[in-house]
Amino acid sequence: MKADLWVYYAALGAGMFLTAISHVLLRYGAVRGRRWWHGFLNIQSAIGYMLFVVVTLLVVFACQGLPLHKVMAWNSATFFLTPLAGALFLREKITGRALVGWGLILGGIVIFSLA
């Protein structure tokens, strides 16, 4: 492993973390709105959308130094990070089916990372 690969992995990890935070902010902004358009026009939603722009830039940067199959495999981790963040910050429930799905996702990440 080259010494500078950690920068690309760090960018990818930051992108995954910020994706989960963005989703939580969008969800929080949507449930606080009194009218349907308040869910789109509030500070939480605006920050969430801006974070998605940052995530896009981070993932594009990570794609410059990492193989695409690894970036896409690791990017799938957002499918369990987002509900986990929802459970931590918004008190959403985690079901048994979600846990099984998370296990399958993690298994896929391991398989593609070893390839």
C-alpha atoms as a PDB file:
ATOM      1  CA  MET A   1       0.000   0.000   0.000  1.00  0.00           C
ATOM      2  CA  LYS A   2       1.377   3.349  -0.972  1.00  0.00           C
ATOM      3  CA  ALA A   3       1.873   5.902   1.748  1.00  0.00           C
ATOM      4  CA  ASP A   4      -0.440   8.434   0.106  1.00  0.00           C
ATOM      5  CA  LEU A   5      -3.435   6.089  -0.270  1.00  0.00           C
ATOM      6  CA  TRP A   6      -4.568   6.986   3.233  1.00  0.00           C
ATOM      7  CA  VAL A   7      -5.569  10.435   1.937  1.00  0.00           C
ATOM      8  CA  TYR A   8      -8.018   8.887  -0.545  1.00  0.00           C
ATOM      9  CA  TYR A   9      -9.404   6.487   2.052  1.00  0.00           C
ATOM     10  CA  ALA A  10      -9.793   9.383   4.505  1.00  0.00           C
ATOM     11  CA  ALA A  11     -11.700  11.385   1.887  1.00  0.00           C
ATOM     12  CA  LEU A  12     -13.961   8.409   1.229  1.00  0.00           C
ATOM     13  CA  GLY A  13     -14.547   7.863   4.955  1.00  0.00           C
ATOM     14  CA  ALA A  14     -15.335  11.528   5.489  1.00  0.00           C
ATOM     15  CA  GLY A  15     -17.763  11.384   2.575  1.00  0.00           C
ATOM     16  CA  MET A  16     -19.572   8.392   4.071  1.00  0.00           C
ATOM     17  CA  PHE A  17     -19.794  10.066   7.483  1.00  0.00           C
ATOM     18  CA  LEU A  18     -21.048  13.350   5.999  1.00  0.00           C
ATOM     19  CA  THR A  19     -23.649  11.472   3.938  1.00  0.00           C
ATOM     20  CA  ALA A  20     -25.171  10.049   7.108  1.00  0.00           C
ATOM     21  CA  ILE A  21     -25.132  13.473   8.776  1.00  0.00           C
ATOM     22  CA  SER A  22     -26.725  15.049   5.684  1.00  0.00           C
ATOM     23  CA  HIS A  23     -29.566  12.544   5.728  1.00  0.00           C
ATOM     24  CA  VAL A  24     -30.196  13.166   9.415  1.00  0.00           C
ATOM     25  CA  LEU A  25     -30.277  16.938   8.845  1.00  0.00           C
ATOM     26  CA  LEU A  26     -32.709  16.556   5.937  1.00  0.00           C
ATOM     27  CA  ARG A  27     -34.964  14.286   7.977  1.00  0.00           C
ATOM     28  CA  TYR A  28     -34.842  16.642  10.963  1.00  0.00           C
ATOM     29  CA  GLY A  29     -35.632  19.617   8.746  1.00  0.00           C
ATOM     30  CA  ALA A  30     -38.518  17.783   7.082  1.00  0.00           C
ATOM     31  CA  VAL A  31     -40.293  16.811  10.288  1.00  0.00           C
ATOM     32  CA  ARG A  32     -39.983  20.304  11.773  1.00  0.00           C
ATOM     33  CA  GLY A  33     -41.832  21.980   8.913  1.00  0.00           C
ATOM     34  CA  ARG A  34     -45.385  23.073   9.569  1.00  0.00           C
ATOM     35  CA  ARG A  35     -46.220  23.315   5.889  1.00  0.00           C
ATOM     36  CA  TRP A  36     -44.970  21.111   3.075  1.00  0.00           C
ATOM     37  CA  TRP A  37     -42.514  23.710   1.769  1.00  0.00           C
ATOM     38  CA  HIS A  38     -41.028  24.351   5.227  1.00  0.00           C
ATOM     39  CA  GLY A  39     -39.386  20.939   4.933  1.00  0.00           C
ATOM     40  CA  PHE A  40     -37.325  22.267   2.027  1.00  0.00           C
ATOM     41  CA  LEU A  41     -36.685  25.831   3.149  1.00  0.00           C
ATOM     42  CA  ASN A  42     -35.016  25.709   6.546  1.00  0.00           C
ATOM     43  CA  ILE A  43     -31.465  25.876   7.828  1.00  0.00           C
ATOM     44  CA  GLN A  44     -31.158  22.134   8.521  1.00  0.00           C
ATOM     45  CA  SER A  45     -32.193  21.201   4.985  1.00  0.00           C
ATOM     46  CA  ALA A  46     -29.927  23.842   3.458  1.00  0.00           C
ATOM     47  CA  ILE A  47     -26.926  22.552   5.415  1.00  0.00           C
ATOM     48  CA  GLY A  48     -27.831  18.979   4.447  1.00  0.00           C
ATOM     49  CA  TYR A  49     -27.911  19.869   0.754  1.00  0.00           C
ATOM     50  CA  MET A  50     -24.611  21.755   1.021  1.00  0.00           C
ATOM     51  CA  LEU A  51     -23.013  18.760   2.709  1.00  0.00           C
ATOM     52  CA  PHE A  52     -24.103  16.587  -0.219  1.00  0.00           C
ATOM     53  CA  VAL A  53     -22.095  18.869  -2.512  1.00  0.00           C
ATOM     54  CA  VAL A  54     -19.055  18.380  -0.258  1.00  0.00           C
ATOM     55  CA  VAL A  55     -19.655  14.611  -0.276  1.00  0.00           C
ATOM     56  CA  THR A  56     -19.701  14.602  -4.068  1.00  0.00           C
ATOM     57  CA  LEU A  57     -16.353  16.390  -4.188  1.00  0.00           C
ATOM     58  CA  LEU A  58     -14.840  14.012  -1.626  1.00  0.00           C
ATOM     59  CA  VAL A  59     -15.975  10.899  -3.509  1.00  0.00           C
ATOM     60  CA  VAL A  60     -14.700  12.273  -6.827  1.00  0.00           C
ATOM     61  CA  PHE A  61     -11.357  12.928  -5.142  1.00  0.00           C
ATOM     62  CA  ALA A  62     -11.302   9.392  -3.706  1.00  0.00           C
ATOM     63  CA  CYS A  63     -12.009   7.961  -7.171  1.00  0.00           C
ATOM     64  CA  GLN A  64      -8.819   9.578  -8.446  1.00  0.00           C
ATOM     65  CA  GLY A  65      -6.598   7.430  -6.223  1.00  0.00           C
ATOM     66  CA  LEU A  66      -8.605   4.286  -5.461  1.00  0.00           C
ATOM     67  CA  PRO A  67     -10.008   1.568  -7.720  1.00  0.00           C
ATOM     68  CA  LEU A  68     -13.638   2.231  -8.589  1.00  0.00           C
ATOM     69  CA  HIS A  69     -14.848  -1.151  -7.316  1.00  0.00           C
ATOM     70  CA  LYS A  70     -13.430  -0.380  -3.860  1.00  0.00           C
ATOM     71  CA  VAL A  71     -14.930   3.108  -3.774  1.00  0.00           C
ATOM     72  CA  MET A  72     -18.380   1.793  -4.688  1.00  0.00           C
ATOM     73  CA  ALA A  73     -18.130  -1.098  -2.212  1.00  0.00           C
ATOM     74  CA  TRP A  74     -17.146   1.180   0.651  1.00  0.00           C
ATOM     75  CA  ASN A  75     -19.698   3.778  -0.403  1.00  0.00           C
ATOM     76  CA  SER A  76     -22.420   1.192   0.258  1.00  0.00           C
ATOM     77  CA  ALA A  77     -21.577   1.552   3.955  1.00  0.00           C
ATOM     78  CA  THR A  78     -23.800   4.636   3.929  1.00  0.00           C
ATOM     79  CA  PHE A  79     -26.775   2.231   3.775  1.00  0.00           C
ATOM     80  CA  PHE A  80     -26.108   1.239   7.367  1.00  0.00           C
ATOM     81  CA  LEU A  81     -24.479   4.453   8.609  1.00  0.00           C
ATOM     82  CA  THR A  82     -27.547   6.521   7.741  1.00  0.00           C
ATOM     83  CA  PRO A  83     -30.092   4.433   9.719  1.00  0.00           C
ATOM     84  CA  LEU A  84     -27.571   4.142  12.538  1.00  0.00           C
ATOM     85  CA  ALA A  85     -27.279   7.936  12.672  1.00  0.00           C
ATOM     86  CA  GLY A  86     -31.078   8.164  12.558  1.00  0.00           C
ATOM     87  CA  ALA A  87     -31.299   5.832  15.533  1.00  0.00           C
ATOM     88  CA  LEU A  88     -28.687   7.779  17.480  1.00  0.00           C
ATOM     89  CA  PHE A  89     -29.892  11.309  16.781  1.00  0.00           C
ATOM     90  CA  LEU A  90     -33.591  10.954  15.892  1.00  0.00           C
ATOM     91  CA  ARG A  91     -34.461   7.939  18.052  1.00  0.00           C
ATOM     92  CA  GLU A  92     -35.607   5.877  15.066  1.00  0.00           C
ATOM     93  CA  LYS A  93     -36.003   2.142  15.633  1.00  0.00           C
ATOM     94  CA  ILE A  94     -33.657  -0.477  14.172  1.00  0.00           C
ATOM     95  CA  THR A  95     -35.417  -3.689  13.165  1.00  0.00           C
ATOM     96  CA  GLY A  96     -34.077  -7.197  12.890  1.00  0.00           C
ATOM     97  CA  ARG A  97     -34.422  -7.036   9.111  1.00  0.00           C
ATOM     98  CA  ALA A  98     -32.210  -3.969   9.086  1.00  0.00           C
ATOM     99  CA  LEU A  99     -29.558  -5.825  11.066  1.00  0.00           C
ATOM    100  CA  VAL A 100     -29.627  -8.701   8.574  1.00  0.00           C
ATOM    101  CA  GLY A 101     -29.294  -6.210   5.721  1.00  0.00           C
ATOM    102  CA  TRP A 102     -26.379  -4.496   7.430  1.00  0.00           C
ATOM    103  CA  GLY A 103     -24.642  -7.844   7.792  1.00  0.00           C
ATOM    104  CA  LEU A 104     -25.053  -8.534   4.081  1.00  0.00           C
ATOM    105  CA  ILE A 105     -23.719  -5.099   3.199  1.00  0.00           C
ATOM    106  CA  LEU A 106     -20.704  -5.539   5.462  1.00  0.00           C
ATOM    107  CA  GLY A 107     -20.078  -8.970   3.950  1.00  0.00           C
ATOM    108  CA  GLY A 108     -20.120  -7.445   0.473  1.00  0.00           C
ATOM    109  CA  ILE A 109     -17.683  -4.749   1.533  1.00  0.00           C
ATOM    110  CA  VAL A 110     -15.296  -7.371   2.886  1.00  0.00           C
ATOM    111  CA  ILE A 111     -15.527  -9.476  -0.278  1.00  0.00           C
ATOM    112  CA  PHE A 112     -14.895  -6.532  -2.597  1.00  0.00           C
ATOM    113  CA  SER A 113     -12.102  -5.190  -0.409  1.00  0.00           C
ATOM    114  CA  LEU A 114     -10.242  -8.480  -0.602  1.00  0.00           C
ATOM    115  CA  ALA A 115     -10.509  -8.617  -4.402  1.00  0.00           C
END
